[in-house]
Protein backbone atom coordinates (compact mmCIF):
# COMPACT_ATOMS: atom_id res chain seq x y z
CA MET A 1 110.83 98.15 106.57
CA ARG A 2 109.21 100.81 108.78
CA LEU A 3 105.60 101.56 107.52
CA TYR A 4 104.44 105.58 108.03
CA SER A 5 100.93 106.98 107.54
CA ARG A 6 100.23 109.85 105.05
CA ILE A 7 97.17 111.76 104.29
CA THR A 8 96.31 111.51 100.95
CA GLY A 9 92.78 112.90 100.54
CA THR A 10 90.57 115.33 102.56
CA GLY A 11 87.13 116.45 102.97
CA SER A 12 84.58 118.38 104.89
CA TYR A 13 81.09 119.58 104.90
CA LEU A 14 78.69 122.16 106.47
CA PRO A 15 75.10 121.74 106.62
CA PRO A 16 73.16 124.17 104.27
CA ARG A 17 71.72 126.50 106.96
CA ARG A 18 73.92 129.31 107.30
CA LEU A 19 73.45 132.03 110.19
CA SER A 20 75.49 135.30 109.84
CA ASN A 21 75.77 137.12 113.09
CA ALA A 22 73.11 139.15 112.37
CA ASP A 23 70.62 136.40 111.73
CA LEU A 24 71.69 135.11 115.30
CA ALA A 25 71.29 138.48 116.84
CA ALA A 26 68.13 138.59 115.68
CA GLU A 27 66.92 135.02 116.25
CA LEU A 28 68.38 135.83 119.75
CA ALA A 29 66.54 139.16 120.12
CA ALA A 30 63.62 137.28 120.15
CA GLN A 31 64.21 135.54 122.96
CA GLY A 32 64.95 138.29 125.00
CA VAL A 33 69.23 137.76 124.56
CA GLU A 34 70.91 140.78 123.39
CA THR A 35 73.91 140.50 120.98
CA SER A 36 75.54 141.95 117.87
CA ASP A 37 77.70 141.21 114.97
CA ASP A 38 80.15 143.96 116.58
CA TRP A 39 80.39 142.28 119.69
CA ILE A 40 80.75 138.51 118.74
CA VAL A 41 83.50 139.66 115.84
CA GLU A 42 85.50 141.90 118.40
CA ARG A 43 85.73 138.79 120.89
CA THR A 44 85.66 135.79 118.82
CA GLY A 45 86.47 136.93 114.95
CA ILE A 46 83.52 134.71 114.01
CA ARG A 47 80.90 136.09 111.48
CA ALA A 48 79.03 133.18 110.65
CA ARG A 49 78.29 129.37 111.67
CA HIS A 50 76.30 126.76 110.10
CA PHE A 51 73.37 124.89 112.09
CA ALA A 52 72.01 121.48 110.79
CA ALA A 53 68.30 120.34 110.36
CA PRO A 54 66.44 118.86 113.11
CA ASP A 55 66.59 115.60 111.17
CA VAL A 56 70.43 115.83 110.63
CA CYS A 57 72.86 113.80 112.98
CA SER A 58 76.40 113.94 113.09
CA SER A 59 76.92 110.65 110.97
CA ASP A 60 75.04 112.59 108.18
CA LEU A 61 77.48 115.36 108.37
CA GLY A 62 80.57 113.10 108.92
CA LEU A 63 79.29 111.04 105.73
CA ALA A 64 79.52 113.77 103.21
CA ALA A 65 82.81 114.54 104.54
CA ALA A 66 84.02 110.93 104.29
CA ARG A 67 83.03 110.43 100.56
CA SER A 68 84.59 114.01 99.62
CA ALA A 69 87.93 112.92 101.28
CA LEU A 70 87.76 109.42 99.67
CA GLN A 71 87.21 111.15 96.11
CA ALA A 72 90.13 112.97 96.56
CA ALA A 73 92.19 110.16 97.75
CA GLY A 74 90.69 107.77 95.02
CA VAL A 75 90.11 105.08 97.44
CA LEU A 76 86.79 103.22 97.33
CA ALA A 77 85.04 102.50 100.81
CA LYS A 78 85.18 99.02 100.72
CA GLU A 79 89.12 99.47 100.62
CA ILE A 80 88.78 101.48 104.01
CA ASP A 81 89.86 98.97 107.25
CA LEU A 82 89.34 101.57 109.97
CA ILE A 83 87.18 104.22 110.75
CA ILE A 84 87.73 106.51 113.51
CA VAL A 85 84.88 109.36 114.26
CA ALA A 86 85.59 111.93 116.68
CA THR A 87 82.49 113.45 118.03
CA SER A 88 81.16 115.05 121.34
CA THR A 89 77.15 114.83 119.75
CA PRO A 90 77.02 111.30 118.75
CA ASP A 91 73.67 109.79 117.14
CA MET A 92 73.01 107.98 119.99
CA VAL A 93 74.34 106.83 123.54
CA PHE A 94 75.40 103.44 121.44
CA PRO A 95 76.35 102.02 119.08
CA SER A 96 79.07 104.52 118.12
CA THR A 97 78.50 107.11 115.58
CA ALA A 98 81.37 105.65 113.62
CA CYS A 99 79.32 102.04 113.24
CA ILE A 100 76.48 104.26 112.00
CA LEU A 101 78.40 106.13 109.60
CA GLN A 102 79.95 102.90 108.40
CA ASN A 103 76.75 101.31 107.65
CA LYS A 104 75.91 104.73 105.57
CA LEU A 105 79.20 104.55 103.62
CA GLY A 106 78.92 100.79 102.83
CA ALA A 107 82.57 99.89 104.42
CA ASN A 108 80.77 97.16 106.53
CA GLY A 109 83.30 94.63 108.35
CA CYS A 110 86.28 97.36 109.18
CA ALA A 111 87.12 98.28 112.57
CA ALA A 112 85.06 101.27 113.84
CA PHE A 113 84.98 103.29 116.95
CA ASP A 114 84.35 106.89 118.16
CA VAL A 115 86.97 109.14 119.97
CA GLN A 116 85.50 111.57 122.73
CA ALA A 117 88.03 113.97 123.34
CA VAL A 118 85.86 117.19 122.58
CA CYS A 119 87.55 120.03 120.46
CA SER A 120 90.84 117.85 120.90
CA GLY A 121 89.31 114.98 118.90
CA PHE A 122 90.25 115.19 115.78
CA ILE A 123 94.10 115.38 117.16
CA TYR A 124 93.50 112.21 118.94
CA ALA A 125 91.98 110.32 116.31
CA LEU A 126 94.45 111.09 113.80
CA SER A 127 97.54 109.91 116.26
CA ILE A 128 95.21 106.46 116.82
CA ALA A 129 95.10 105.82 113.37
CA ASP A 130 98.65 106.49 112.58
CA ALA A 131 99.59 104.44 115.29
CA MET A 132 97.60 101.47 114.22
CA ILE A 133 98.82 102.07 111.01
CA GLN A 134 102.46 102.22 111.57
CA THR A 135 101.92 98.49 113.72
CA GLY A 136 99.99 97.18 110.37
CA ALA A 137 96.75 97.06 111.96
CA ALA A 138 95.42 99.23 109.35
CA LYS A 139 96.21 100.47 105.71
CA LYS A 140 93.85 102.76 104.91
CA ALA A 141 91.98 104.76 107.50
CA LEU A 142 89.19 107.35 107.41
CA VAL A 143 89.31 109.96 110.28
CA ILE A 144 86.37 112.02 110.43
CA GLY A 145 85.76 114.91 113.08
CA ALA A 146 81.50 115.61 113.00
CA GLU A 147 79.62 117.80 115.37
CA VAL A 148 75.79 118.94 115.56
CA PHE A 149 76.85 121.46 118.49
CA SER A 150 73.67 123.23 118.01
CA ARG A 151 71.89 120.28 119.59
CA ILE A 152 73.72 121.36 123.00
CA LEU A 153 73.86 125.24 123.33
CA ASP A 154 72.11 127.26 125.72
CA PHE A 155 70.77 130.34 123.59
CA LYS A 156 69.76 131.85 126.88
CA ASP A 157 73.91 132.50 127.41
CA ARG A 158 75.16 135.00 124.86
CA THR A 159 78.74 134.15 125.69
CA THR A 160 78.30 130.42 124.62
CA CYS A 161 75.83 130.25 122.00
CA VAL A 162 77.55 132.50 119.65
CA LEU A 163 80.59 130.76 119.51
CA PHE A 164 79.76 127.38 117.93
CA GLY A 165 78.68 125.55 114.73
CA ASP A 166 78.01 121.95 113.22
CA GLY A 167 80.02 120.65 110.79
CA ALA A 168 82.14 117.56 109.55
CA GLY A 169 85.86 117.26 108.56
CA ALA A 170 87.85 114.01 106.98
CA VAL A 171 91.27 112.58 106.02
CA VAL A 172 91.89 109.38 104.27
CA LEU A 173 95.28 108.31 105.97
CA GLU A 174 97.27 105.53 104.04
CA ALA A 175 100.40 103.29 104.81
CA SER A 176 103.32 104.65 103.30
CA GLU A 177 107.28 103.95 103.02
CA THR A 178 107.30 107.79 103.03
CA PRO A 179 106.78 109.84 106.38
CA GLY A 180 103.56 111.69 106.36
CA ILE A 181 102.84 112.11 109.94
CA LEU A 182 106.25 113.00 111.67
CA ALA A 183 105.10 113.24 115.48
CA SER A 184 102.57 113.98 117.96
CA ASP A 185 101.62 114.82 121.30
CA LEU A 186 98.62 114.47 123.36
CA HIS A 187 97.92 114.93 127.24
CA ALA A 188 94.60 115.57 128.95
CA ASP A 189 94.25 117.03 132.91
CA GLY A 190 90.60 115.88 134.46
CA LYS A 191 91.14 118.44 137.32
CA HIS A 192 90.04 121.05 134.39
CA VAL A 193 86.52 119.06 133.76
CA GLY A 194 84.50 122.14 135.27
CA ILE A 195 85.50 125.14 133.07
CA LEU A 196 83.88 123.33 129.83
CA CYS A 197 81.39 120.58 129.95
CA VAL A 198 77.64 119.72 129.05
CA PRO A 199 77.13 118.44 133.32
CA GLY A 200 74.30 116.15 132.17
CA ASN A 201 73.38 113.08 131.72
CA VAL A 202 70.42 110.21 130.64
CA SER A 203 69.06 108.05 133.65
CA GLY A 204 65.67 105.92 133.37
CA GLY A 205 64.52 108.03 130.30
CA GLN A 206 65.06 111.34 132.21
CA VAL A 207 68.05 114.23 131.70
CA LEU A 208 69.67 114.28 134.75
CA GLY A 209 71.70 117.55 135.66
CA HIS A 210 72.12 120.14 133.10
CA PRO A 211 72.37 118.97 129.22
CA LEU A 212 73.56 122.09 127.85
CA LEU A 213 76.90 123.60 127.28
CA THR A 214 78.40 125.62 130.25
CA MET A 215 82.11 127.25 129.86
CA ASP A 216 84.23 129.59 131.91
CA GLY A 217 85.37 131.50 128.82
CA GLN A 218 88.93 133.15 130.72
CA ALA A 219 89.67 130.03 132.41
CA VAL A 220 89.78 128.05 129.00
CA PHE A 221 91.56 131.00 127.31
CA LYS A 222 94.10 131.06 129.76
CA LEU A 223 94.71 127.29 129.95
CA ALA A 224 94.15 126.88 126.03
CA VAL A 225 97.28 129.27 125.10
CA GLY A 226 99.70 127.90 127.33
CA VAL A 227 99.24 124.24 126.53
CA LEU A 228 98.84 124.73 123.03
CA ASP A 229 102.21 126.21 122.92
CA GLU A 230 103.81 123.52 125.05
CA ALA A 231 102.27 120.83 122.77
CA ALA A 232 103.61 122.37 119.48
CA ARG A 233 107.20 122.50 121.09
CA VAL A 234 107.27 119.44 122.28
CA THR A 235 105.79 117.84 119.08
CA LEU A 236 108.47 119.78 116.72
CA ALA A 237 111.30 118.56 119.16
CA LYS A 238 110.05 114.84 118.83
CA ALA A 239 110.32 115.36 114.89
CA GLY A 240 113.95 117.21 114.90
CA LYS A 241 112.17 120.35 113.59
CA THR A 242 111.86 123.82 115.14
CA ALA A 243 108.98 126.41 114.13
CA ALA A 244 110.98 128.04 111.21
CA ASP A 245 110.05 124.71 109.63
CA ILE A 246 106.21 125.04 109.49
CA ASP A 247 104.16 126.21 106.41
CA TRP A 248 101.32 126.30 107.99
CA LEU A 249 99.97 126.37 111.49
CA ILE A 250 96.38 124.73 111.51
CA PRO A 251 94.70 125.05 114.80
CA HIS A 252 91.58 124.26 116.27
CA GLN A 253 89.25 127.05 114.87
CA ALA A 254 87.64 128.30 118.66
CA ASN A 255 88.35 131.76 119.10
CA ILE A 256 90.89 133.97 116.56
CA ARG A 257 92.34 135.46 119.83
CA ILE A 258 93.53 132.16 121.30
CA MET A 259 94.96 131.69 117.41
CA GLN A 260 96.68 134.53 117.28
CA SER A 261 98.22 134.31 121.20
CA THR A 262 99.36 130.82 120.20
CA ALA A 263 100.96 132.22 116.73
CA ARG A 264 102.85 135.03 118.40
CA LYS A 265 104.21 132.52 121.33
CA LEU A 266 105.63 130.38 118.27
CA LYS A 267 106.76 133.42 116.29
CA LEU A 268 104.68 132.48 113.19
CA PRO A 269 103.04 135.37 111.43
CA MET A 270 99.32 134.97 110.80
CA ASP A 271 99.73 134.72 107.11
CA LYS A 272 101.22 131.19 108.13
CA VAL A 273 97.85 130.41 109.99
CA ILE A 274 94.97 128.88 108.45
CA VAL A 275 91.90 130.62 109.71
CA THR A 276 88.50 129.88 109.05
CA VAL A 277 86.41 130.19 112.21
CA ASP A 278 85.29 133.32 110.72
CA GLN A 279 83.06 131.30 108.31
CA HIS A 280 82.16 128.59 110.55
CA GLY A 281 82.76 129.22 114.16
CA ASN A 282 83.69 126.72 116.43
CA THR A 283 82.73 123.15 115.13
CA SER A 284 84.64 120.95 117.93
CA ALA A 285 86.09 117.94 116.63
CA ALA A 286 85.22 119.10 113.22
CA SER A 287 87.49 122.24 112.99
CA ILE A 288 90.87 121.12 112.17
CA GLY A 289 89.45 118.96 109.28
CA LEU A 290 87.53 121.71 108.13
CA ALA A 291 90.34 124.10 107.96
CA LEU A 292 92.69 121.79 106.73
CA ASP A 293 90.47 120.85 103.79
CA THR A 294 89.36 124.30 102.90
CA ALA A 295 93.13 125.42 102.71
CA VAL A 296 93.80 122.43 100.36
CA ARG A 297 91.23 123.04 97.99
CA ASP A 298 91.78 126.81 97.47
CA GLY A 299 95.37 125.58 97.09
CA ARG A 300 96.91 127.11 100.10
CA VAL A 301 98.19 124.26 101.65
CA LYS A 302 100.16 121.94 98.80
CA PRO A 303 101.71 118.68 98.80
CA GLY A 304 104.99 118.59 100.64
CA GLN A 305 104.62 121.17 102.80
CA MET A 306 105.11 120.93 106.74
CA LEU A 307 101.76 121.47 108.68
CA LEU A 308 101.37 121.71 112.48
CA LEU A 309 97.81 120.80 113.41
CA GLU A 310 96.82 121.41 116.76
CA GLY A 311 93.58 121.07 119.28
CA VAL A 312 92.58 121.94 122.76
CA GLY A 313 89.28 121.05 124.32
CA GLY A 314 87.29 120.18 127.46
CA GLY A 315 88.18 117.43 129.55
CA PHE A 316 90.44 119.06 129.47
CA THR A 317 92.42 117.68 126.51
CA TRP A 318 95.04 118.88 124.27
CA GLY A 319 97.67 117.92 121.62
CA ALA A 320 99.42 118.30 118.40
CA VAL A 321 100.37 116.42 115.15
CA LEU A 322 103.26 117.52 112.83
CA LEU A 323 103.00 116.06 109.28
CA GLN A 324 104.10 116.56 105.52
CA LEU A 325 101.44 116.64 103.47
């Protein structure tokens, strides 16, 4: 009997501190950096983002999202036998944020590790968990994307600091005889490292290099639109489906223009695209899980529907997952 994996519960969490574009513009103005609500919305579609308090880590955000997903799935923490956390902003250099979260959750003993694929991290983690369930290595998995990107932003660079926010999204993935995840497609191309990165590291107790996010926005946009379209088409082909079979496209919530371009290439109307970037900005590995949970809880995404999830991020990494909820 072949095993499949199915999403049985979703969860998400945003830290309480919400900054509208006007709020952020006021804070930046105090530092001599000019921006405005109109400027941000026109270029990105973002209207607000959430920032975590200084003492709150990725594991804390991920824990809240995980508990919500477990409750939705009707699964106890002690039943989980695999935890994968996708993050680019871990609590520590080591151990993994997954191990720290595991202890806070009370699911000690199961396999737990992090995946670092930046904004594609949730897609990578979901694909890995699916593969492990299909081979019988796990039966109930927690896949979490959690980020505190506010910690790595250069608030003197208005082209990047207005884009990102903090948050977490999670799903419970369980073994099933009925197909859930139908196909996935993962890629990376390291020659594009320089267009989106945090080029710093810790050595001897000191930070070497530049410890804040840098991005070539035009290069990222051009590359993102092309690879997302390719990944979507390959994933659909693997499952023997077409874009016409998609009920919802749930892309990485980076920029409304990238999302619109991707939908246009797939000939999907925007009313089939889940858009939450306006309310939480780019939360990197958390954004797809956040968008999925939001749409499940507000009733747009329903059991039995066909979802195409896709992401692109620094590395450069990209990928897609086709699933039936």
